[in-house]
Amino acid sequence: MSLDPTRRAGLERARALAIARDHFDLDVEEATVDAAPFGVTIRVGGSDATTAVIVSSVDDLSVLGGALVWLDRNPMETVHLIVEHHAGIHARRAAVLAPELVVHQLVGSDIHPAVAAPVEDPHPVPDDVVPLVAMIERSGAQVVVEDGIVRAEIAGLEVGRVVTGPAGSTFEVGVGRFDREAGVLLHGDRPVEPALVDTIEMVQTHRRVGAVAHPINRIGRERWLREMIRLDPAIAGVDESVLVEPIPPRTSLLQPAAAALRAAAGERKILVVCAVGVELSLVPDTADLLLVHRTDEVRFVLPARDRLPFLDRLCARLPVPVSFADISVPWVD
């Protein structure tokens, strides 16, 4: 049985205070303690405080973004970020974005310095996917490969993917895992290519310019913007573009992740990053992409309403110049 939220919050607070006292020698009697969606923050002293501790049990890569927003509002010489999950990734990204932020791994009651994890290479694409890729192209979908998985996409939305098992690679049609599994159970005897064409036609009715709000056009909007730029790079002020994979790979259609392209404008190499809404993981995601692609500039493409002041300040932490491009979104809310 899960804990009552109030009870859980109390336990998280008590644990954070104990960590700050026992591991970092902070005088917690006079500490200012706040609960945030990304963890518990502790600082001792008033506006002249120089050290803070953030303790997080949240299993989400947005934790670092939340810590950076807090640090933007509460400047410190040193902030200790203690996390239970993704410590290596947070440490790698913090090294790019916030040298004053020290990441630690919490294991049980033990705390260890986090070691920055290397960016993992994508998995290879299976050798037997060529006929399936040809089928995707015949059906009118875009072939997108991420972490070795071949997907069929329409306006940035997955409508099917290649699934590899002991007997080799096959193609499953559907928008997301549950839709694919339902299709296998209910229509397993139907030829795959006609099923894919029907799904594409259904998705296209909702994922087009001016379509009224529908669940189909609310998912993966940042990837929809990315596909628009792939087809017409000029709308982002670049000459050419190639899709790049998110780091780390997405595990769900509903998981937000920076949707990026590697592009050029004259002699300058530009990382174009598309986003929709307020995502605390956006700048940390971009830091990882820069580590791999080493571009001269980052250009964020997002709706004007989503460019909030804190985003500009976080972007200033990136090691290359940053620009913004407004874009007319194709959906109607």
C-alpha atoms as a PDB file:
ATOM      1  CA  MET A   1       0.000   0.000   0.000  1.00  0.00           C
ATOM      2  CA  SER A   2       1.382   3.421  -0.958  1.00  0.00           C
ATOM      3  CA  LEU A   3       2.056   6.063   1.643  1.00  0.00           C
ATOM      4  CA  ASP A   4      -0.249   9.006   2.174  1.00  0.00           C
ATOM      5  CA  PRO A   5       1.245  11.979   0.260  1.00  0.00           C
ATOM      6  CA  THR A   6       1.483  14.093   3.402  1.00  0.00           C
ATOM      7  CA  ARG A   7       3.202  11.280   5.259  1.00  0.00           C
ATOM      8  CA  ARG A   8       5.616  10.712   2.380  1.00  0.00           C
ATOM      9  CA  ALA A   9       6.445  14.432   2.182  1.00  0.00           C
ATOM     10  CA  GLY A  10       7.230  14.451   5.899  1.00  0.00           C
ATOM     11  CA  LEU A  11       9.552  11.474   5.574  1.00  0.00           C
ATOM     12  CA  GLU A  12      11.320  13.010   2.566  1.00  0.00           C
ATOM     13  CA  ARG A  13      11.846  16.222   4.525  1.00  0.00           C
ATOM     14  CA  ALA A  14      13.226  14.399   7.554  1.00  0.00           C
ATOM     15  CA  ARG A  15      15.592  12.360   5.403  1.00  0.00           C
ATOM     16  CA  ALA A  16      16.862  15.449   3.596  1.00  0.00           C
ATOM     17  CA  LEU A  17      17.571  17.230   6.876  1.00  0.00           C
ATOM     18  CA  ALA A  18      19.439  14.201   8.203  1.00  0.00           C
ATOM     19  CA  ILE A  19      21.570  14.059   5.045  1.00  0.00           C
ATOM     20  CA  ALA A  20      22.371  17.768   5.213  1.00  0.00           C
ATOM     21  CA  ARG A  21      23.346  17.471   8.884  1.00  0.00           C
ATOM     22  CA  ASP A  22      25.241  14.185   8.856  1.00  0.00           C
ATOM     23  CA  HIS A  23      26.983  14.295   5.489  1.00  0.00           C
ATOM     24  CA  PHE A  24      27.492  18.010   4.862  1.00  0.00           C
ATOM     25  CA  ASP A  25      27.737  19.399   8.418  1.00  0.00           C
ATOM     26  CA  LEU A  26      25.025  21.987   7.905  1.00  0.00           C
ATOM     27  CA  ASP A  27      23.316  23.511  10.928  1.00  0.00           C
ATOM     28  CA  VAL A  28      19.811  22.391  10.089  1.00  0.00           C
ATOM     29  CA  GLU A  29      18.272  24.035  13.167  1.00  0.00           C
ATOM     30  CA  GLU A  30      18.248  27.336  11.284  1.00  0.00           C
ATOM     31  CA  ALA A  31      17.735  25.859   7.839  1.00  0.00           C
ATOM     32  CA  THR A  32      15.185  26.963   5.274  1.00  0.00           C
ATOM     33  CA  VAL A  33      13.530  23.835   3.936  1.00  0.00           C
ATOM     34  CA  ASP A  34      11.255  23.757   0.901  1.00  0.00           C
ATOM     35  CA  ALA A  35       9.540  20.943  -0.962  1.00  0.00           C
ATOM     36  CA  ALA A  36       9.576  21.144  -4.752  1.00  0.00           C
ATOM     37  CA  PRO A  37       8.410  18.716  -7.456  1.00  0.00           C
ATOM     38  CA  PHE A  38      12.030  17.738  -8.083  1.00  0.00           C
ATOM     39  CA  GLY A  39      13.031  17.231  -4.428  1.00  0.00           C
ATOM     40  CA  VAL A  40      13.643  18.834  -1.040  1.00  0.00           C
ATOM     41  CA  THR A  41      15.852  21.940  -0.911  1.00  0.00           C
ATOM     42  CA  ILE A  42      17.789  23.002   2.189  1.00  0.00           C
ATOM     43  CA  ARG A  43      19.818  26.146   2.705  1.00  0.00           C
ATOM     44  CA  VAL A  44      21.232  27.596   5.877  1.00  0.00           C
ATOM     45  CA  GLY A  45      21.299  31.342   6.415  1.00  0.00           C
ATOM     46  CA  GLY A  46      19.530  34.156   4.643  1.00  0.00           C
ATOM     47  CA  SER A  47      20.345  35.793   1.331  1.00  0.00           C
ATOM     48  CA  ASP A  48      24.068  35.385   2.037  1.00  0.00           C
ATOM     49  CA  ALA A  49      23.916  31.568   2.186  1.00  0.00           C
ATOM     50  CA  THR A  50      26.673  29.962   0.097  1.00  0.00           C
ATOM     51  CA  THR A  51      25.863  26.236   0.335  1.00  0.00           C
ATOM     52  CA  ALA A  52      22.689  24.298  -0.236  1.00  0.00           C
ATOM     53  CA  VAL A  53      21.593  20.674  -0.398  1.00  0.00           C
ATOM     54  CA  ILE A  54      18.919  19.237  -2.683  1.00  0.00           C
ATOM     55  CA  VAL A  55      17.751  15.682  -2.074  1.00  0.00           C
ATOM     56  CA  SER A  56      15.640  13.969  -4.721  1.00  0.00           C
ATOM     57  CA  SER A  57      14.054  10.540  -4.962  1.00  0.00           C
ATOM     58  CA  VAL A  58      12.294  11.446  -8.227  1.00  0.00           C
ATOM     59  CA  ASP A  59      12.934   9.008 -11.083  1.00  0.00           C
ATOM     60  CA  ASP A  60      12.942  11.624 -13.836  1.00  0.00           C
ATOM     61  CA  LEU A  61      15.615  13.418 -15.844  1.00  0.00           C
ATOM     62  CA  SER A  62      13.837  16.746 -15.255  1.00  0.00           C
ATOM     63  CA  VAL A  63      15.307  16.781 -11.712  1.00  0.00           C
ATOM     64  CA  LEU A  64      18.441  18.578 -12.883  1.00  0.00           C
ATOM     65  CA  GLY A  65      16.376  21.184 -14.727  1.00  0.00           C
ATOM     66  CA  GLY A  66      14.360  21.820 -11.579  1.00  0.00           C
ATOM     67  CA  ALA A  67      17.557  22.186  -9.564  1.00  0.00           C
ATOM     68  CA  LEU A  68      18.898  24.686 -12.119  1.00  0.00           C
ATOM     69  CA  VAL A  69      15.720  26.778 -11.912  1.00  0.00           C
ATOM     70  CA  TRP A  70      16.016  26.773  -8.117  1.00  0.00           C
ATOM     71  CA  LEU A  71      19.685  27.726  -8.378  1.00  0.00           C
ATOM     72  CA  ASP A  72      18.762  30.569 -10.740  1.00  0.00           C
ATOM     73  CA  ARG A  73      16.492  31.966  -8.020  1.00  0.00           C
ATOM     74  CA  ASN A  74      18.870  31.137  -5.155  1.00  0.00           C
ATOM     75  CA  PRO A  75      22.455  31.682  -6.338  1.00  0.00           C
ATOM     76  CA  MET A  76      24.983  29.623  -4.371  1.00  0.00           C
ATOM     77  CA  GLU A  77      28.689  28.958  -4.489  1.00  0.00           C
ATOM     78  CA  THR A  78      28.048  25.230  -4.016  1.00  0.00           C
ATOM     79  CA  VAL A  79      24.938  23.096  -4.317  1.00  0.00           C
ATOM     80  CA  HIS A  80      24.980  19.397  -3.489  1.00  0.00           C
ATOM     81  CA  LEU A  81      22.409  17.472  -5.514  1.00  0.00           C
ATOM     82  CA  ILE A  82      21.763  14.043  -4.002  1.00  0.00           C
ATOM     83  CA  VAL A  83      19.756  11.733  -6.249  1.00  0.00           C
ATOM     84  CA  GLU A  84      18.589   8.140  -6.184  1.00  0.00           C
ATOM     85  CA  HIS A  85      18.172   7.846  -9.953  1.00  0.00           C
ATOM     86  CA  HIS A  86      20.201   8.742 -13.064  1.00  0.00           C
ATOM     87  CA  ALA A  87      23.152  10.077 -11.047  1.00  0.00           C
ATOM     88  CA  GLY A  88      25.629   9.464 -13.877  1.00  0.00           C
ATOM     89  CA  ILE A  89      23.514  11.319 -16.429  1.00  0.00           C
ATOM     90  CA  HIS A  90      22.881  14.232 -14.053  1.00  0.00           C
ATOM     91  CA  ALA A  91      26.621  14.451 -13.317  1.00  0.00           C
ATOM     92  CA  ARG A  92      27.478  14.477 -17.028  1.00  0.00           C
ATOM     93  CA  ARG A  93      24.987  17.247 -17.752  1.00  0.00           C
ATOM     94  CA  ALA A  94      25.831  19.287 -14.656  1.00  0.00           C
ATOM     95  CA  ALA A  95      29.488  19.365 -15.725  1.00  0.00           C
ATOM     96  CA  VAL A  96      28.364  21.282 -18.834  1.00  0.00           C
ATOM     97  CA  LEU A  97      25.714  23.496 -17.259  1.00  0.00           C
ATOM     98  CA  ALA A  98      26.566  24.139 -13.612  1.00  0.00           C
ATOM     99  CA  PRO A  99      30.103  23.649 -12.272  1.00  0.00           C
ATOM    100  CA  GLU A 100      28.876  24.832  -8.860  1.00  0.00           C
ATOM    101  CA  LEU A 101      26.477  21.878  -8.664  1.00  0.00           C
ATOM    102  CA  VAL A 102      27.986  18.681  -7.249  1.00  0.00           C
ATOM    103  CA  VAL A 103      26.013  15.489  -7.912  1.00  0.00           C
ATOM    104  CA  HIS A 104      25.971  12.585  -5.458  1.00  0.00           C
ATOM    105  CA  GLN A 105      24.426   9.108  -5.695  1.00  0.00           C
ATOM    106  CA  LEU A 106      22.195   8.036  -2.810  1.00  0.00           C
ATOM    107  CA  VAL A 107      22.138   4.277  -2.258  1.00  0.00           C
ATOM    108  CA  GLY A 108      20.202   3.312   0.849  1.00  0.00           C
ATOM    109  CA  SER A 109      21.758   5.480   3.543  1.00  0.00           C
ATOM    110  CA  ASP A 110      25.111   5.793   1.761  1.00  0.00           C
ATOM    111  CA  ILE A 111      26.144   8.771  -0.355  1.00  0.00           C
ATOM    112  CA  HIS A 112      28.844   8.541  -3.013  1.00  0.00           C
ATOM    113  CA  PRO A 113      30.197  11.120  -5.484  1.00  0.00           C
ATOM    114  CA  ALA A 114      28.479  10.585  -8.818  1.00  0.00           C
ATOM    115  CA  VAL A 115      30.658   9.713 -11.781  1.00  0.00           C
ATOM    116  CA  ALA A 116      29.627  11.254 -15.079  1.00  0.00           C
ATOM    117  CA  ALA A 117      28.330   8.485 -17.322  1.00  0.00           C
ATOM    118  CA  PRO A 118      29.486   8.437 -20.949  1.00  0.00           C
ATOM    119  CA  VAL A 119      26.875   8.897 -23.661  1.00  0.00           C
ATOM    120  CA  GLU A 120      26.025   5.414 -24.827  1.00  0.00           C
ATOM    121  CA  ASP A 121      26.226   4.526 -28.503  1.00  0.00           C
ATOM    122  CA  PRO A 122      22.888   3.681 -30.162  1.00  0.00           C
ATOM    123  CA  HIS A 123      22.082   0.035 -30.698  1.00  0.00           C
ATOM    124  CA  PRO A 124      22.705  -1.203 -34.249  1.00  0.00           C
ATOM    125  CA  VAL A 125      19.857  -1.612 -36.715  1.00  0.00           C
ATOM    126  CA  PRO A 126      19.085  -5.300 -37.441  1.00  0.00           C
ATOM    127  CA  ASP A 127      20.339  -6.555 -40.793  1.00  0.00           C
ATOM    128  CA  ASP A 128      16.980  -7.892 -41.984  1.00  0.00           C
ATOM    129  CA  VAL A 129      14.948  -4.656 -41.947  1.00  0.00           C
ATOM    130  CA  VAL A 130      15.488  -3.601 -45.583  1.00  0.00           C
ATOM    131  CA  PRO A 131      12.151  -5.017 -46.901  1.00  0.00           C
ATOM    132  CA  LEU A 132      10.304  -3.466 -43.967  1.00  0.00           C
ATOM    133  CA  VAL A 133      11.915  -0.069 -44.561  1.00  0.00           C
ATOM    134  CA  ALA A 134      10.834  -0.291 -48.214  1.00  0.00           C
ATOM    135  CA  MET A 135       7.268  -1.039 -47.070  1.00  0.00           C
ATOM    136  CA  ILE A 136       7.265   2.025 -44.788  1.00  0.00           C
ATOM    137  CA  GLU A 137       8.407   4.206 -47.662  1.00  0.00           C
ATOM    138  CA  ARG A 138       5.791   2.750 -50.054  1.00  0.00           C
ATOM    139  CA  SER A 139       3.094   3.474 -47.479  1.00  0.00           C
ATOM    140  CA  GLY A 140       4.001   7.157 -47.368  1.00  0.00           C
ATOM    141  CA  ALA A 141       5.442   7.340 -43.852  1.00  0.00           C
ATOM    142  CA  GLN A 142       8.786   8.795 -42.787  1.00  0.00           C
ATOM    143  CA  VAL A 143      11.445   6.271 -41.741  1.00  0.00           C
ATOM    144  CA  VAL A 144      12.973   7.334 -38.401  1.00  0.00           C
ATOM    145  CA  VAL A 145      15.696   5.315 -36.682  1.00  0.00           C
ATOM    146  CA  GLU A 146      16.406   5.848 -32.973  1.00  0.00           C
ATOM    147  CA  ASP A 147      18.573   3.596 -30.824  1.00  0.00           C
ATOM    148  CA  GLY A 148      18.445   0.892 -33.489  1.00  0.00           C
ATOM    149  CA  ILE A 149      14.628   0.874 -33.650  1.00  0.00           C
ATOM    150  CA  VAL A 150      13.116   1.588 -37.065  1.00  0.00           C
ATOM    151  CA  ARG A 151       9.876   3.546 -36.819  1.00  0.00           C
ATOM    152  CA  ALA A 152       7.274   4.751 -39.271  1.00  0.00           C
ATOM    153  CA  GLU A 153       6.162   8.295 -38.460  1.00  0.00           C
ATOM    154  CA  ILE A 154       3.579  10.742 -39.768  1.00  0.00           C
ATOM    155  CA  ALA A 155       4.209  14.390 -38.826  1.00  0.00           C
ATOM    156  CA  GLY A 156       6.455  13.214 -36.005  1.00  0.00           C
ATOM    157  CA  LEU A 157       4.025  10.631 -34.589  1.00  0.00           C
ATOM    158  CA  GLU A 158       4.901   6.951 -34.591  1.00  0.00           C
ATOM    159  CA  VAL A 159       2.372   4.806 -36.462  1.00  0.00           C
ATOM    160  CA  GLY A 160       4.330   1.558 -36.357  1.00  0.00           C
ATOM    161  CA  ARG A 161       7.766   0.092 -35.771  1.00  0.00           C
ATOM    162  CA  VAL A 162      10.022  -2.818 -36.553  1.00  0.00           C
ATOM    163  CA  VAL A 163      10.104  -5.342 -33.718  1.00  0.00           C
ATOM    164  CA  THR A 164      12.938  -7.864 -33.616  1.00  0.00           C
ATOM    165  CA  GLY A 165      12.626 -11.254 -31.936  1.00  0.00           C
ATOM    166  CA  PRO A 166      14.249 -14.687 -32.099  1.00  0.00           C
ATOM    167  CA  ALA A 167      12.607 -15.374 -35.466  1.00  0.00           C
ATOM    168  CA  GLY A 168      13.803 -12.091 -36.987  1.00  0.00           C
ATOM    169  CA  SER A 169      12.252  -8.693 -37.588  1.00  0.00           C
ATOM    170  CA  THR A 170       8.563  -8.019 -38.147  1.00  0.00           C
ATOM    171  CA  PHE A 171       6.486  -4.862 -38.368  1.00  0.00           C
ATOM    172  CA  GLU A 172       3.754  -3.899 -35.904  1.00  0.00           C
ATOM    173  CA  VAL A 173       1.230  -1.191 -36.727  1.00  0.00           C
ATOM    174  CA  GLY A 174      -0.087   1.180 -34.081  1.00  0.00           C
ATOM    175  CA  VAL A 175       0.342   4.487 -32.278  1.00  0.00           C
ATOM    176  CA  GLY A 176       2.312   3.411 -29.224  1.00  0.00           C
ATOM    177  CA  ARG A 177       2.917   0.070 -27.560  1.00  0.00           C
ATOM    178  CA  PHE A 178      -0.628  -0.620 -26.388  1.00  0.00           C
ATOM    179  CA  ASP A 179      -2.108   0.160 -29.795  1.00  0.00           C
ATOM    180  CA  ARG A 180       0.444  -2.122 -31.463  1.00  0.00           C
ATOM    181  CA  GLU A 181      -0.270  -4.961 -29.036  1.00  0.00           C
ATOM    182  CA  ALA A 182      -4.029  -4.560 -29.514  1.00  0.00           C
ATOM    183  CA  GLY A 183      -3.559  -4.689 -33.273  1.00  0.00           C
ATOM    184  CA  VAL A 184      -1.607  -7.931 -33.031  1.00  0.00           C
ATOM    185  CA  LEU A 185      -4.286  -9.513 -30.829  1.00  0.00           C
ATOM    186  CA  LEU A 186      -7.329  -8.311 -32.747  1.00  0.00           C
ATOM    187  CA  HIS A 187      -6.081  -8.165 -36.340  1.00  0.00           C
ATOM    188  CA  GLY A 188      -3.084 -10.473 -36.368  1.00  0.00           C
ATOM    189  CA  ASP A 189      -4.247 -12.183 -39.550  1.00  0.00           C
ATOM    190  CA  ARG A 190      -4.532  -8.951 -41.552  1.00  0.00           C
ATOM    191  CA  PRO A 191      -1.722  -8.056 -43.984  1.00  0.00           C
ATOM    192  CA  VAL A 192       0.570  -5.476 -42.441  1.00  0.00           C
ATOM    193  CA  GLU A 193       0.931  -3.031 -45.329  1.00  0.00           C
ATOM    194  CA  PRO A 194      -2.809  -2.280 -45.803  1.00  0.00           C
ATOM    195  CA  ALA A 195      -3.149  -1.888 -42.021  1.00  0.00           C
ATOM    196  CA  LEU A 196      -0.276   0.593 -42.022  1.00  0.00           C
ATOM    197  CA  VAL A 197      -1.807   2.581 -44.886  1.00  0.00           C
ATOM    198  CA  ASP A 198      -5.156   2.771 -43.054  1.00  0.00           C
ATOM    199  CA  THR A 199      -3.443   3.973 -39.877  1.00  0.00           C
ATOM    200  CA  ILE A 200      -1.498   6.594 -41.791  1.00  0.00           C
ATOM    201  CA  GLU A 201      -4.696   7.923 -43.363  1.00  0.00           C
ATOM    202  CA  MET A 202      -6.411   8.096 -39.985  1.00  0.00           C
ATOM    203  CA  VAL A 203      -3.485   9.956 -38.381  1.00  0.00           C
ATOM    204  CA  GLN A 204      -3.159  12.370 -41.302  1.00  0.00           C
ATOM    205  CA  THR A 205      -6.733  13.579 -40.831  1.00  0.00           C
ATOM    206  CA  HIS A 206      -5.809  14.845 -37.358  1.00  0.00           C
ATOM    207  CA  ARG A 207      -2.150  15.705 -37.819  1.00  0.00           C
ATOM    208  CA  ARG A 208      -2.434  18.431 -40.430  1.00  0.00           C
ATOM    209  CA  VAL A 209      -2.464  22.211 -40.425  1.00  0.00           C
ATOM    210  CA  GLY A 210      -5.629  23.589 -38.873  1.00  0.00           C
ATOM    211  CA  ALA A 211      -6.972  20.289 -37.528  1.00  0.00           C
ATOM    212  CA  VAL A 212      -9.108  20.679 -34.404  1.00  0.00           C
ATOM    213  CA  ALA A 213      -7.758  19.430 -31.105  1.00  0.00           C
ATOM    214  CA  HIS A 214      -7.647  15.635 -30.827  1.00  0.00           C
ATOM    215  CA  PRO A 215      -5.526  13.199 -28.794  1.00  0.00           C
ATOM    216  CA  ILE A 216      -3.666  12.282 -31.987  1.00  0.00           C
ATOM    217  CA  ASN A 217      -2.413  15.839 -32.474  1.00  0.00           C
ATOM    218  CA  ARG A 218      -1.621  16.479 -28.823  1.00  0.00           C
ATOM    219  CA  ILE A 219       1.095  13.813 -28.636  1.00  0.00           C
ATOM    220  CA  GLY A 220       4.691  14.483 -29.607  1.00  0.00           C
ATOM    221  CA  ARG A 221       4.142  18.021 -30.798  1.00  0.00           C
ATOM    222  CA  GLU A 222       7.836  18.855 -30.547  1.00  0.00           C
ATOM    223  CA  ARG A 223       8.513  16.075 -33.071  1.00  0.00           C
ATOM    224  CA  TRP A 224       5.799  17.506 -35.323  1.00  0.00           C
ATOM    225  CA  LEU A 225       7.678  20.822 -35.357  1.00  0.00           C
ATOM    226  CA  ARG A 226      10.898  18.959 -36.083  1.00  0.00           C
ATOM    227  CA  GLU A 227       9.324  17.232 -39.090  1.00  0.00           C
ATOM    228  CA  MET A 228       8.118  20.597 -40.392  1.00  0.00           C
ATOM    229  CA  ILE A 229      11.699  21.884 -40.269  1.00  0.00           C
ATOM    230  CA  ARG A 230      13.044  18.739 -41.923  1.00  0.00           C
ATOM    231  CA  LEU A 231      10.688  19.347 -44.820  1.00  0.00           C
ATOM    232  CA  ASP A 232      11.292  23.119 -44.925  1.00  0.00           C
ATOM    233  CA  PRO A 233      14.515  24.104 -43.117  1.00  0.00           C
ATOM    234  CA  ALA A 234      14.030  27.775 -43.991  1.00  0.00           C
ATOM    235  CA  ILE A 235      11.345  28.174 -41.328  1.00  0.00           C
ATOM    236  CA  ALA A 236      14.097  27.719 -38.737  1.00  0.00           C
ATOM    237  CA  GLY A 237      16.557  29.882 -40.654  1.00  0.00           C
ATOM    238  CA  VAL A 238      18.813  27.021 -41.734  1.00  0.00           C
ATOM    239  CA  ASP A 239      19.818  25.656 -45.126  1.00  0.00           C
ATOM    240  CA  GLU A 240      19.713  21.906 -44.539  1.00  0.00           C
ATOM    241  CA  SER A 241      18.972  19.558 -41.677  1.00  0.00           C
ATOM    242  CA  VAL A 242      19.301  15.958 -40.529  1.00  0.00           C
ATOM    243  CA  LEU A 243      17.370  14.335 -37.679  1.00  0.00           C
ATOM    244  CA  VAL A 244      19.371  13.448 -34.573  1.00  0.00           C
ATOM    245  CA  GLU A 245      18.425  11.001 -31.861  1.00  0.00           C
ATOM    246  CA  PRO A 246      17.358  12.051 -28.355  1.00  0.00           C
ATOM    247  CA  ILE A 247      19.807  11.305 -25.526  1.00  0.00           C
ATOM    248  CA  PRO A 248      19.012   9.064 -23.778  1.00  0.00           C
ATOM    249  CA  PRO A 249      16.486   7.308 -26.058  1.00  0.00           C
ATOM    250  CA  ARG A 250      12.783   7.851 -25.411  1.00  0.00           C
ATOM    251  CA  THR A 251      10.987   4.933 -23.800  1.00  0.00           C
ATOM    252  CA  SER A 252       7.424   6.116 -24.452  1.00  0.00           C
ATOM    253  CA  LEU A 253       5.453   8.259 -26.885  1.00  0.00           C
ATOM    254  CA  LEU A 254       4.347  10.354 -23.919  1.00  0.00           C
ATOM    255  CA  GLN A 255       7.883  10.969 -22.662  1.00  0.00           C
ATOM    256  CA  PRO A 256       8.942  14.529 -23.481  1.00  0.00           C
ATOM    257  CA  ALA A 257      12.376  14.847 -25.023  1.00  0.00           C
ATOM    258  CA  ALA A 258      14.137  17.508 -27.040  1.00  0.00           C
ATOM    259  CA  ALA A 259      13.416  16.885 -30.722  1.00  0.00           C
ATOM    260  CA  ALA A 260      16.521  17.974 -32.570  1.00  0.00           C
ATOM    261  CA  LEU A 261      18.140  18.300 -35.965  1.00  0.00           C
ATOM    262  CA  ARG A 262      21.731  18.921 -36.959  1.00  0.00           C
ATOM    263  CA  ALA A 263      21.666  21.771 -39.435  1.00  0.00           C
ATOM    264  CA  ALA A 264      23.784  24.391 -41.160  1.00  0.00           C
ATOM    265  CA  ALA A 265      23.487  28.064 -41.997  1.00  0.00           C
ATOM    266  CA  GLY A 266      26.317  28.956 -44.302  1.00  0.00           C
ATOM    267  CA  GLU A 267      29.505  27.767 -42.602  1.00  0.00           C
ATOM    268  CA  ARG A 268      27.966  27.561 -39.140  1.00  0.00           C
ATOM    269  CA  LYS A 269      26.856  24.225 -37.711  1.00  0.00           C
ATOM    270  CA  ILE A 270      23.613  24.639 -35.768  1.00  0.00           C
ATOM    271  CA  LEU A 271      21.780  22.301 -33.430  1.00  0.00           C
ATOM    272  CA  VAL A 272      18.065  23.005 -33.913  1.00  0.00           C
ATOM    273  CA  VAL A 273      16.039  21.941 -30.864  1.00  0.00           C
ATOM    274  CA  CYS A 274      12.246  21.862 -30.985  1.00  0.00           C
ATOM    275  CA  ALA A 275      10.109  22.035 -27.858  1.00  0.00           C
ATOM    276  CA  VAL A 276       6.495  22.607 -26.862  1.00  0.00           C
ATOM    277  CA  GLY A 277       5.315  23.535 -23.388  1.00  0.00           C
ATOM    278  CA  VAL A 278       7.445  24.054 -20.297  1.00  0.00           C
ATOM    279  CA  GLU A 279       9.883  21.156 -19.953  1.00  0.00           C
ATOM    280  CA  LEU A 280      12.503  21.374 -17.216  1.00  0.00           C
ATOM    281  CA  SER A 281      14.571  18.732 -19.002  1.00  0.00           C
ATOM    282  CA  LEU A 282      14.936  20.803 -22.199  1.00  0.00           C
ATOM    283  CA  VAL A 283      18.260  22.520 -21.446  1.00  0.00           C
ATOM    284  CA  PRO A 284      19.859  19.432 -19.821  1.00  0.00           C
ATOM    285  CA  ASP A 285      18.749  17.361 -22.843  1.00  0.00           C
ATOM    286  CA  THR A 286      20.373  19.936 -25.096  1.00  0.00           C
ATOM    287  CA  ALA A 287      23.625  19.764 -23.128  1.00  0.00           C
ATOM    288  CA  ASP A 288      23.849  16.057 -23.953  1.00  0.00           C
ATOM    289  CA  LEU A 289      23.167  16.707 -27.633  1.00  0.00           C
ATOM    290  CA  LEU A 290      25.960  19.282 -27.715  1.00  0.00           C
ATOM    291  CA  LEU A 291      28.393  16.794 -26.202  1.00  0.00           C
ATOM    292  CA  VAL A 292      27.772  14.496 -29.167  1.00  0.00           C
ATOM    293  CA  HIS A 293      27.239  16.869 -32.087  1.00  0.00           C
ATOM    294  CA  ARG A 294      29.624  19.738 -31.204  1.00  0.00           C
ATOM    295  CA  THR A 295      27.778  22.462 -33.118  1.00  0.00           C
ATOM    296  CA  ASP A 296      28.632  26.173 -33.179  1.00  0.00           C
ATOM    297  CA  GLU A 297      25.207  27.296 -32.024  1.00  0.00           C
ATOM    298  CA  VAL A 298      21.925  26.074 -30.573  1.00  0.00           C
ATOM    299  CA  ARG A 299      18.673  27.368 -32.045  1.00  0.00           C
ATOM    300  CA  PHE A 300      15.533  26.653 -30.069  1.00  0.00           C
ATOM    301  CA  VAL A 301      12.288  26.494 -32.028  1.00  0.00           C
ATOM    302  CA  LEU A 302       9.180  26.759 -29.879  1.00  0.00           C
ATOM    303  CA  PRO A 303       5.861  28.603 -29.697  1.00  0.00           C
ATOM    304  CA  ALA A 304       6.302  32.174 -28.476  1.00  0.00           C
ATOM    305  CA  ARG A 305       4.101  31.563 -25.437  1.00  0.00           C
ATOM    306  CA  ASP A 306       6.493  28.871 -24.213  1.00  0.00           C
ATOM    307  CA  ARG A 307       9.572  31.104 -24.141  1.00  0.00           C
ATOM    308  CA  LEU A 308       9.528  32.027 -20.475  1.00  0.00           C
ATOM    309  CA  PRO A 309      12.194  34.213 -18.798  1.00  0.00           C
ATOM    310  CA  PHE A 310      13.719  31.338 -16.840  1.00  0.00           C
ATOM    311  CA  LEU A 311      14.395  29.482 -20.105  1.00  0.00           C
ATOM    312  CA  ASP A 312      16.555  32.314 -21.423  1.00  0.00           C
ATOM    313  CA  ARG A 313      18.585  32.317 -18.213  1.00  0.00           C
ATOM    314  CA  LEU A 314      19.070  28.541 -18.252  1.00  0.00           C
ATOM    315  CA  CYS A 315      20.075  28.644 -21.910  1.00  0.00           C
ATOM    316  CA  ALA A 316      22.837  31.089 -20.991  1.00  0.00           C
ATOM    317  CA  ARG A 317      24.510  28.169 -19.199  1.00  0.00           C
ATOM    318  CA  LEU A 318      25.048  26.318 -22.479  1.00  0.00           C
ATOM    319  CA  PRO A 319      28.642  26.525 -23.763  1.00  0.00           C
ATOM    320  CA  VAL A 320      27.720  27.888 -27.220  1.00  0.00           C
ATOM    321  CA  PRO A 321      25.637  30.860 -28.427  1.00  0.00           C
ATOM    322  CA  VAL A 322      21.876  30.377 -28.312  1.00  0.00           C
ATOM    323  CA  SER A 323      19.178  31.831 -30.540  1.00  0.00           C
ATOM    324  CA  PHE A 324      15.414  31.417 -30.713  1.00  0.00           C
ATOM    325  CA  ALA A 325      13.092  31.010 -33.678  1.00  0.00           C
ATOM    326  CA  ASP A 326       9.353  31.527 -33.348  1.00  0.00           C
ATOM    327  CA  ILE A 327       7.160  29.243 -35.428  1.00  0.00           C
ATOM    328  CA  SER A 328       3.518  29.133 -36.431  1.00  0.00           C
ATOM    329  CA  VAL A 329       2.179  25.920 -34.943  1.00  0.00           C
ATOM    330  CA  PRO A 330       0.000  23.709 -37.153  1.00  0.00           C
ATOM    331  CA  TRP A 331      -2.487  22.688 -34.466  1.00  0.00           C
ATOM    332  CA  VAL A 332      -5.530  24.493 -33.089  1.00  0.00           C
ATOM    333  CA  ASP A 333      -6.197  24.278 -29.329  1.00  0.00           C
END
